[in-house]
């Protein structure tokens, strides 16, 4: 049988941007194009209902948003009140590849990590972190007879995030001492935790999350270089945490935009490094009515995080903050990641978002606005000045109110939050959370969007 080369252009003529728009307007039958089809986000971003190659060609160097890694670490976190050696071993046996442990003053690190091959996993230590924690880790490493350089993960010193969470200034002196005493030996352990989750979970938007993280990174560089630490050392010790909500494409674009902007920032210090991104599903989007729907929200958020290119991912249990966690809730949360990795095969696709006109355009516009927000923070005197003057807190509060008002008047619909709530489904009793009132400046407190509609 003779085969002829297929040439679609002979049968289908090219259609210009103007012709496409005219056809859409015709189909709208008098409705306004902008009001009907354009999507506005974060008060500053305006997105079209479709994008074409002509739009993509307007983006300067879209390769700057590319993701190098395609795999991620399935991480499971344990709070200080419910962590045990048995639970850690069980999680690792059932699919976790990394472990996060919130430490308290009473935590026994050696007992918690008994039988755990910490040189074969990603280890993330948070909570009550000090130089004493490093001394305890030294003992664990010595008893296991392994090299300190074999430990990957983070020991999360986070004074600048703690400052805005508590409304009190914090010193970076102990962090500087930790880097000087242990940074070289623990060469693969991040020590500076730049935690932007508080922005998302307080009601902030993606522009603010990125700007917050960049400003905090720049503040650490400034403070630590004054303490005698090289800028390159400080930068290489940074790890970033972001929360991921249910705005699927925006969350993908957030990670891509942040990665590019961080690399642009550190190039000013003559450093070239990829940021290490720890992703977590956002508790702000969880609902206590019909909590199993949170599994769907978590799955969407998880996919956004991995397509965007996170390094580690934590899927919060569907009942987080609503009741004491259970083995079932932990298992289902962990299995979401296993399904995404082993059945959806997202770990085998390098940069799944690349080439999508929509995602590329969104990454570009988000990067521009986030960089502008970062510059505004810098013009106020940097991160510390911005939280002391409450500029960041007020910006997040304004963004939160915009969303809360939109949900209240139903100009924005979120299924299961302000519309179509399951009336006869199970409801959990929310665990009490004490709101923090800052002593020196406003503290930022986490919320849930669904709370006003659950009363």
Protein backbone atom coordinates (compact mmCIF):
# COMPACT_ATOMS: atom_id res chain seq x y z
CA UNK A 1 0.00 0.00 0.00
CA UNK A 2 1.31 3.41 -0.95
CA UNK A 3 1.79 5.76 1.95
CA UNK A 4 1.81 9.48 1.43
CA UNK A 5 3.31 11.96 3.86
CA UNK A 6 0.62 13.61 5.95
CA UNK A 7 0.63 17.39 5.58
CA UNK A 8 -2.13 18.88 7.71
CA UNK A 9 -1.38 22.40 6.47
CA UNK A 10 -2.72 21.46 3.02
CA UNK A 11 -6.14 20.63 4.47
CA UNK A 12 -6.34 23.13 7.33
CA UNK A 13 -5.36 26.75 6.85
CA UNK A 14 -3.73 28.67 9.67
CA UNK A 15 -6.01 30.78 11.84
CA UNK A 16 -4.76 34.06 13.27
CA UNK A 17 -5.19 35.17 16.87
CA UNK A 18 -7.76 37.72 15.76
CA UNK A 19 -9.81 35.08 13.93
CA UNK A 20 -9.81 32.81 16.99
CA UNK A 21 -10.98 35.64 19.22
CA UNK A 22 -13.68 36.66 16.76
CA UNK A 23 -15.01 33.10 16.68
CA UNK A 24 -15.12 32.95 20.49
CA UNK A 25 -16.88 36.31 20.72
CA UNK A 26 -19.43 35.11 18.17
CA UNK A 27 -20.16 32.00 20.26
CA UNK A 28 -20.61 34.16 23.38
CA UNK A 29 -23.68 35.71 21.74
CA UNK A 30 -23.28 39.16 23.20
CA UNK A 31 -21.64 38.28 26.51
CA UNK A 32 -18.50 40.23 27.40
CA UNK A 33 -15.33 38.28 26.59
CA UNK A 34 -13.34 39.55 29.56
CA UNK A 35 -16.06 39.18 32.20
CA UNK A 36 -17.13 35.77 30.94
CA UNK A 37 -13.87 34.00 30.20
CA UNK A 38 -10.87 35.77 31.69
CA UNK A 39 -9.69 34.59 35.10
CA UNK A 40 -8.33 37.01 37.68
CA UNK A 41 -6.15 35.74 40.51
CA UNK A 42 -4.30 37.24 43.47
CA UNK A 43 -5.60 40.74 42.65
CA UNK A 44 -2.80 41.27 40.13
CA UNK A 45 -2.82 38.36 37.69
CA UNK A 46 -5.13 38.14 34.70
CA UNK A 47 -5.34 34.93 32.67
CA UNK A 48 -6.90 34.27 29.28
CA UNK A 49 -9.24 31.34 28.54
CA UNK A 50 -6.73 29.94 26.05
CA UNK A 51 -3.14 30.48 24.96
CA UNK A 52 -1.53 29.94 21.58
CA UNK A 53 1.98 29.59 20.25
CA UNK A 54 2.09 33.34 19.68
CA UNK A 55 1.67 33.86 23.43
CA UNK A 56 4.38 31.34 24.22
CA UNK A 57 6.78 33.10 21.86
CA UNK A 58 6.38 36.31 23.85
CA UNK A 59 7.88 34.69 26.96
CA UNK A 60 11.55 35.50 27.34
CA UNK A 61 13.59 32.33 27.73
CA UNK A 62 10.90 29.91 29.03
CA UNK A 63 13.67 27.35 29.64
CA UNK A 64 14.47 29.23 32.86
CA UNK A 65 11.44 27.55 34.47
CA UNK A 66 12.58 24.02 33.64
CA UNK A 67 12.74 21.32 36.33
CA UNK A 68 15.89 19.19 36.43
CA UNK A 69 14.66 16.55 38.89
CA UNK A 70 11.73 14.24 38.21
CA UNK A 71 11.63 12.20 41.42
CA UNK A 72 10.82 13.19 44.98
CA UNK A 73 11.02 11.79 48.50
CA UNK A 74 7.80 10.44 50.03
CA UNK A 75 8.01 11.95 53.50
CA UNK A 76 5.86 11.33 56.55
CA UNK A 77 5.93 13.72 59.48
CA UNK A 78 5.30 12.98 63.14
CA UNK A 79 4.31 15.51 65.80
CA UNK A 80 6.09 15.56 69.12
CA UNK A 81 3.04 14.14 70.90
CA UNK A 82 2.51 11.11 68.67
CA UNK A 83 5.96 10.06 67.47
CA UNK A 84 7.52 6.74 68.45
CA UNK A 85 10.20 4.44 67.15
CA UNK A 86 7.58 1.83 66.24
CA UNK A 87 5.60 4.33 64.14
CA UNK A 88 8.72 5.50 62.32
CA UNK A 89 9.77 1.96 61.45
CA UNK A 90 6.23 1.10 60.35
CA UNK A 91 6.06 4.14 58.05
CA UNK A 92 9.38 3.28 56.43
CA UNK A 93 8.33 -0.32 55.96
CA UNK A 94 5.11 0.80 54.25
CA UNK A 95 6.51 3.20 51.71
CA UNK A 96 7.88 6.34 53.36
CA UNK A 97 11.32 7.36 52.08
CA UNK A 98 11.82 10.26 54.45
CA UNK A 99 10.84 10.96 58.05
CA UNK A 100 10.04 14.27 59.69
CA UNK A 101 10.18 14.43 63.48
CA UNK A 102 8.99 17.35 65.59
CA UNK A 103 11.23 17.36 68.64
CA UNK A 104 10.41 18.59 72.13
CA UNK A 105 12.72 19.18 75.06
CA UNK A 106 11.88 15.65 76.26
CA UNK A 107 12.56 13.87 72.94
CA UNK A 108 15.12 11.07 72.97
CA UNK A 109 16.56 11.11 69.45
CA UNK A 110 18.59 7.96 69.98
CA UNK A 111 15.51 5.95 71.00
CA UNK A 112 13.36 7.38 68.21
CA UNK A 113 15.92 6.42 65.56
CA UNK A 114 16.76 2.97 66.92
CA UNK A 115 16.95 0.52 64.03
CA UNK A 116 16.47 3.30 61.46
CA UNK A 117 19.03 3.45 58.65
CA UNK A 118 19.27 7.22 58.71
CA UNK A 119 21.93 7.21 56.01
CA UNK A 120 19.42 5.62 53.60
CA UNK A 121 16.51 8.02 54.13
CA UNK A 122 15.81 11.74 54.22
CA UNK A 123 15.76 12.94 57.84
CA UNK A 124 13.90 16.14 58.73
CA UNK A 125 14.14 17.41 62.33
CA UNK A 126 11.94 20.33 63.43
CA UNK A 127 10.51 21.77 66.63
CA UNK A 128 12.79 22.38 69.60
CA UNK A 129 16.02 22.68 67.60
CA UNK A 130 19.28 23.87 69.10
CA UNK A 131 22.98 23.03 69.14
CA UNK A 132 22.05 20.39 71.71
CA UNK A 133 20.04 18.66 68.97
CA UNK A 134 23.19 18.48 66.86
CA UNK A 135 25.10 17.00 69.80
CA UNK A 136 22.41 14.31 70.13
CA UNK A 137 22.61 13.62 66.41
CA UNK A 138 26.38 13.29 66.72
CA UNK A 139 25.87 10.52 69.27
CA UNK A 140 23.34 8.72 67.06
CA UNK A 141 25.70 8.85 64.09
CA UNK A 142 28.63 7.62 66.20
CA UNK A 143 26.63 4.70 67.61
CA UNK A 144 25.52 3.67 64.14
CA UNK A 145 29.09 3.90 62.83
CA UNK A 146 28.20 5.99 59.78
CA UNK A 147 29.64 9.13 58.23
CA UNK A 148 28.06 12.49 59.05
CA UNK A 149 28.17 13.34 55.36
CA UNK A 150 25.85 10.38 54.68
CA UNK A 151 22.93 12.12 56.42
CA UNK A 152 20.56 13.85 53.99
CA UNK A 153 17.67 16.10 54.96
CA UNK A 154 17.35 19.03 57.32
CA UNK A 155 17.83 20.05 60.92
CA UNK A 156 15.48 22.98 60.84
CA UNK A 157 16.82 26.10 62.50
CA UNK A 158 14.13 28.66 61.60
CA UNK A 159 14.51 31.82 63.72
CA UNK A 160 13.15 34.20 61.09
CA UNK A 161 9.97 32.16 60.55
CA UNK A 162 9.53 31.68 64.30
CA UNK A 163 9.75 35.46 64.65
CA UNK A 164 6.68 36.11 62.49
CA UNK A 165 4.79 33.12 63.92
CA UNK A 166 5.28 34.41 67.48
CA UNK A 167 5.46 38.15 66.90
CA UNK A 168 8.86 38.39 68.57
CA UNK A 169 12.37 39.03 67.28
CA UNK A 170 14.67 36.03 67.18
CA UNK A 171 18.45 35.81 67.03
CA UNK A 172 20.42 33.95 64.34
CA UNK A 173 23.46 33.56 66.61
CA UNK A 174 22.82 29.90 67.48
CA UNK A 175 22.19 29.10 63.82
CA UNK A 176 25.49 30.72 62.88
CA UNK A 177 27.27 28.68 65.55
CA UNK A 178 25.64 25.48 64.29
CA UNK A 179 26.78 26.10 60.72
CA UNK A 180 30.30 26.92 61.87
CA UNK A 181 30.60 23.86 64.12
CA UNK A 182 28.69 21.24 62.11
CA UNK A 183 28.01 22.60 58.63
CA UNK A 184 31.08 21.07 57.00
CA UNK A 185 30.77 17.61 58.57
CA UNK A 186 27.03 17.38 57.81
CA UNK A 187 27.61 18.48 54.25
CA UNK A 188 24.29 17.11 52.96
CA UNK A 189 22.14 18.35 55.82
CA UNK A 190 20.29 21.63 55.37
CA UNK A 191 20.28 23.82 58.48
CA UNK A 192 18.44 27.00 57.46
CA UNK A 193 14.71 26.36 57.23
CA UNK A 194 12.93 29.05 55.22
CA UNK A 195 9.34 28.14 55.95
CA UNK A 196 6.77 29.89 53.73
CA UNK A 197 3.94 27.57 54.77
CA UNK A 198 2.75 30.17 57.29
CA UNK A 199 1.96 32.56 54.44
CA UNK A 200 -0.30 30.10 52.60
CA UNK A 201 -1.98 28.83 55.75
CA UNK A 202 -2.60 32.36 57.02
CA UNK A 203 -4.48 33.21 53.83
CA UNK A 204 -1.68 34.66 51.72
CA UNK A 205 -1.39 34.18 47.98
CA UNK A 206 1.28 32.66 45.76
CA UNK A 207 2.91 36.01 45.00
CA UNK A 208 3.35 36.64 48.71
CA UNK A 209 4.64 33.11 49.38
CA UNK A 210 7.43 33.50 46.85
CA UNK A 211 8.30 37.07 47.86
CA UNK A 212 8.33 36.04 51.54
CA UNK A 213 10.71 33.14 50.88
CA UNK A 214 13.08 35.26 48.78
CA UNK A 215 13.15 38.07 51.34
CA UNK A 216 13.82 35.66 54.18
CA UNK A 217 16.62 34.01 52.21
CA UNK A 218 18.20 37.39 51.53
CA UNK A 219 17.89 38.34 55.21
CA UNK A 220 19.67 35.14 56.27
CA UNK A 221 22.48 35.86 53.82
CA UNK A 222 22.83 39.37 55.24
CA UNK A 223 22.71 38.29 58.90
CA UNK A 224 24.98 35.26 58.54
CA UNK A 225 27.65 36.99 56.45
CA UNK A 226 27.85 39.59 59.23
CA UNK A 227 28.47 36.64 61.59
CA UNK A 228 31.43 35.53 59.49
CA UNK A 229 29.80 32.86 57.33
CA UNK A 230 30.39 32.90 53.59
CA UNK A 231 27.35 33.72 51.47
CA UNK A 232 27.87 30.52 49.45
CA UNK A 233 27.85 28.45 52.65
CA UNK A 234 24.64 30.04 53.88
CA UNK A 235 22.91 29.59 50.52
CA UNK A 236 23.86 25.93 50.26
CA UNK A 237 22.48 25.29 53.75
CA UNK A 238 19.00 26.58 52.88
CA UNK A 239 15.89 24.45 52.52
CA UNK A 240 12.47 25.89 51.62
CA UNK A 241 9.03 24.73 52.73
CA UNK A 242 5.86 25.61 50.83
CA UNK A 243 2.25 24.60 51.32
CA UNK A 244 0.21 23.57 48.28
CA UNK A 245 -3.50 24.21 47.92
CA UNK A 246 -6.08 23.25 45.33
CA UNK A 247 -5.42 25.91 42.67
CA UNK A 248 -3.86 23.20 40.53
CA UNK A 249 -2.06 25.11 37.78
CA UNK A 250 -1.17 28.10 39.95
CA UNK A 251 0.58 25.83 42.45
CA UNK A 252 2.59 24.20 39.66
CA UNK A 253 3.60 27.63 38.39
CA UNK A 254 4.50 28.77 41.93
CA UNK A 255 7.28 26.22 42.31
CA UNK A 256 8.62 26.88 38.82
CA UNK A 257 8.61 30.66 39.32
CA UNK A 258 10.24 30.42 42.76
CA UNK A 259 13.02 28.18 41.49
CA UNK A 260 13.94 30.64 38.76
CA UNK A 261 13.78 33.68 41.05
CA UNK A 262 15.88 32.04 43.77
CA UNK A 263 18.55 31.16 41.24
CA UNK A 264 18.44 34.74 39.95
CA UNK A 265 18.86 36.03 43.51
CA UNK A 266 21.82 33.86 44.47
CA UNK A 267 23.58 34.59 41.20
CA UNK A 268 24.10 38.07 42.63
CA UNK A 269 26.32 36.36 45.22
CA UNK A 270 28.09 34.42 42.44
CA UNK A 271 26.44 31.16 43.53
CA UNK A 272 24.73 28.68 41.23
CA UNK A 273 22.49 26.20 43.05
CA UNK A 274 19.05 24.61 42.75
CA UNK A 275 16.79 25.29 45.76
CA UNK A 276 15.72 22.31 47.86
CA UNK A 277 11.93 22.46 48.15
CA UNK A 278 9.97 20.67 50.86
CA UNK A 279 6.29 20.57 49.89
CA UNK A 280 3.28 19.96 52.12
CA UNK A 281 -0.42 19.89 51.37
CA UNK A 282 -2.08 23.02 52.77
CA UNK A 283 -4.23 22.57 55.88
CA UNK A 284 -6.05 25.81 55.05
CA UNK A 285 -8.07 24.04 52.32
CA UNK A 286 -9.16 21.14 54.55
CA UNK A 287 -12.74 20.93 55.81
CA UNK A 288 -14.11 19.21 58.91
CA UNK A 289 -17.45 18.46 57.22
CA UNK A 290 -17.17 15.23 55.26
CA UNK A 291 -13.41 15.12 55.96
CA UNK A 292 -12.81 12.30 53.48
CA UNK A 293 -13.21 14.91 50.74
CA UNK A 294 -9.91 16.25 52.03
CA UNK A 295 -8.33 13.23 50.37
CA UNK A 296 -9.31 14.67 46.98
CA UNK A 297 -7.93 18.08 47.93
CA UNK A 298 -4.70 16.47 49.11
CA UNK A 299 -4.32 14.50 45.88
CA UNK A 300 -4.72 17.61 43.74
CA UNK A 301 -2.22 19.51 45.89
CA UNK A 302 0.25 16.61 45.83
CA UNK A 303 0.17 16.41 42.04
CA UNK A 304 0.78 20.16 41.77
CA UNK A 305 3.77 19.89 44.06
CA UNK A 306 5.47 17.05 42.21
CA UNK A 307 4.74 18.40 38.72
CA UNK A 308 6.17 21.73 39.87
CA UNK A 309 9.30 19.92 40.97
CA UNK A 310 9.47 19.56 44.76
CA UNK A 311 12.23 17.49 46.37
CA UNK A 312 10.29 16.15 49.36
CA UNK A 313 6.52 15.92 49.82
CA UNK A 314 4.34 15.51 52.89
CA UNK A 315 0.64 14.78 52.41
CA UNK A 316 -1.17 15.81 55.57
CA UNK A 317 -3.72 13.28 56.86
CA UNK A 318 -7.32 14.14 55.97
CA UNK A 319 -8.15 14.70 59.65
CA UNK A 320 -5.14 16.88 60.52
CA UNK A 321 -6.04 19.44 63.19
CA UNK A 322 -9.55 17.99 63.43
CA UNK A 323 -8.89 14.98 65.63
CA UNK A 324 -5.95 12.97 66.86
CA UNK A 325 -4.30 11.33 63.89
CA UNK A 326 -4.73 7.60 63.38
CA UNK A 327 -2.82 4.81 61.68
CA UNK A 328 -5.53 4.72 59.02
CA UNK A 329 -5.27 8.46 58.27
CA UNK A 330 -1.48 8.28 58.10
CA UNK A 331 -1.60 5.26 55.80
CA UNK A 332 -4.06 6.82 53.37
CA UNK A 333 -2.03 10.05 53.24
CA UNK A 334 1.13 8.09 52.51
CA UNK A 335 -0.63 5.97 49.90
CA UNK A 336 -1.71 9.05 47.95
CA UNK A 337 1.93 9.68 47.19
CA UNK A 338 2.61 6.04 46.39
CA UNK A 339 -0.24 6.03 43.87
CA UNK A 340 0.96 9.28 42.29
CA UNK A 341 4.51 7.94 42.04
CA UNK A 342 4.03 4.26 41.24
CA UNK A 343 0.71 4.21 39.37
CA UNK A 344 0.45 7.66 37.80
CA UNK A 345 4.22 7.44 37.10
CA UNK A 346 4.80 11.16 37.66
CA UNK A 347 8.29 10.32 38.94
CA UNK A 348 9.14 9.01 35.48
CA UNK A 349 8.14 12.17 33.62
CA UNK A 350 10.71 14.93 33.57
CA UNK A 351 9.12 18.37 33.93
CA UNK A 352 5.55 17.40 33.06
CA UNK A 353 4.50 21.05 32.95
CA UNK A 354 7.03 22.08 30.31
CA UNK A 355 5.61 23.26 27.00
CA UNK A 356 2.10 23.93 28.31
CA UNK A 357 1.36 27.43 27.03
CA UNK A 358 -0.91 28.04 30.01
CA UNK A 359 1.57 26.91 32.69
CA UNK A 360 4.49 28.68 31.00
CA UNK A 361 2.50 31.93 30.82
CA UNK A 362 1.38 31.59 34.42
CA UNK A 363 4.95 30.90 35.58
CA UNK A 364 6.17 34.00 33.76
CA UNK A 365 3.50 36.35 35.12
CA UNK A 366 3.77 34.94 38.65
CA UNK A 367 7.55 35.37 38.60
CA UNK A 368 7.23 39.03 37.60
CA UNK A 369 4.72 39.87 40.33
CA UNK A 370 6.55 37.89 43.01
CA UNK A 371 9.82 39.63 42.18
CA UNK A 372 8.05 42.99 42.48
CA UNK A 373 6.69 42.01 45.91
CA UNK A 374 10.18 40.92 46.99
CA UNK A 375 11.58 44.28 45.87
CA UNK A 376 8.93 46.12 47.88
CA UNK A 377 10.00 44.15 50.98
CA UNK A 378 13.63 44.97 50.30
CA UNK A 379 12.76 48.65 49.91
CA UNK A 380 11.21 48.63 53.39
CA UNK A 381 14.60 47.57 54.74
CA UNK A 382 14.43 43.81 54.20
CA UNK A 383 12.58 40.93 55.84
CA UNK A 384 13.12 41.92 59.48
CA UNK A 385 12.06 45.51 58.91
CA UNK A 386 9.03 44.28 56.94
CA UNK A 387 7.77 42.06 59.77
CA UNK A 388 8.61 44.60 62.49
CA UNK A 389 6.64 47.26 60.61
CA UNK A 390 3.97 44.59 59.99
CA UNK A 391 4.08 45.16 56.23
CA UNK A 392 4.09 41.43 55.45
CA UNK A 393 1.42 40.63 58.05
CA UNK A 394 -0.86 43.36 56.69
CA UNK A 395 -0.34 42.29 53.08
CA UNK A 396 -1.30 38.71 53.96
CA UNK A 397 -4.27 39.91 56.02
CA UNK A 398 -5.51 41.95 53.04
CA UNK A 399 -5.22 38.94 50.74
CA UNK A 400 -7.00 36.76 53.30
CA UNK A 401 -9.91 39.21 53.56
CA UNK A 402 -10.30 39.35 49.78
CA UNK A 403 -10.71 35.57 49.66
CA UNK A 404 -12.94 35.41 52.74
CA UNK A 405 -15.24 38.09 51.31
CA UNK A 406 -15.37 36.31 47.94
CA UNK A 407 -16.32 33.06 49.65
CA UNK A 408 -18.91 34.79 51.83
CA UNK A 409 -20.70 36.47 48.92
CA UNK A 410 -20.19 33.40 46.71
CA UNK A 411 -18.41 35.32 43.97
CA UNK A 412 -15.87 32.51 44.42
CA UNK A 413 -17.24 29.00 44.77
CA UNK A 414 -15.33 26.19 46.45
CA UNK A 415 -17.09 22.87 46.50
CA UNK A 416 -17.55 21.56 50.04
CA UNK A 417 -16.36 24.85 51.56
CA UNK A 418 -18.99 27.52 50.82
CA UNK A 419 -21.18 25.53 48.43
CA UNK A 420 -22.57 22.01 48.25
CA UNK A 421 -21.48 21.00 51.71
CA UNK A 422 -22.37 17.45 52.64
CA UNK A 423 -25.23 17.92 55.09
CA UNK A 424 -25.50 14.36 56.38
CA UNK A 425 -21.87 13.36 56.34
CA UNK A 426 -19.54 12.88 59.29
CA UNK A 427 -18.12 15.94 60.98
CA UNK A 428 -15.04 16.04 63.19
CA UNK A 429 -14.60 18.19 66.26
CA UNK A 430 -11.79 20.62 65.57
CA UNK A 431 -8.88 20.42 68.00
CA UNK A 432 -8.46 23.65 69.98
CA UNK A 433 -5.74 25.97 68.69
CA UNK A 434 -4.57 28.93 70.74
CA UNK A 435 -4.19 32.09 68.69
CA UNK A 436 -0.82 33.73 69.21
CA UNK A 437 -0.75 37.44 69.95
CA UNK A 438 2.67 38.89 69.21
CA UNK A 439 4.43 40.84 71.96
CA UNK A 440 6.59 43.00 69.68
CA UNK A 441 4.61 42.95 66.42
CA UNK A 442 1.69 41.06 64.86
CA UNK A 443 1.98 37.30 64.76
CA UNK A 444 0.62 35.30 61.81
CA UNK A 445 -1.82 32.52 62.66
CA UNK A 446 -3.03 29.69 60.47
CA UNK A 447 -6.71 29.49 59.48
CA UNK A 448 -9.03 27.26 57.44
CA UNK A 449 -11.24 28.71 54.70
CA UNK A 450 -14.16 26.50 55.67
CA UNK A 451 -14.36 27.55 59.33
CA UNK A 452 -16.98 30.35 58.89
CA UNK A 453 -19.27 27.93 57.02
CA UNK A 454 -19.06 25.17 59.63
CA UNK A 455 -20.81 27.03 62.42
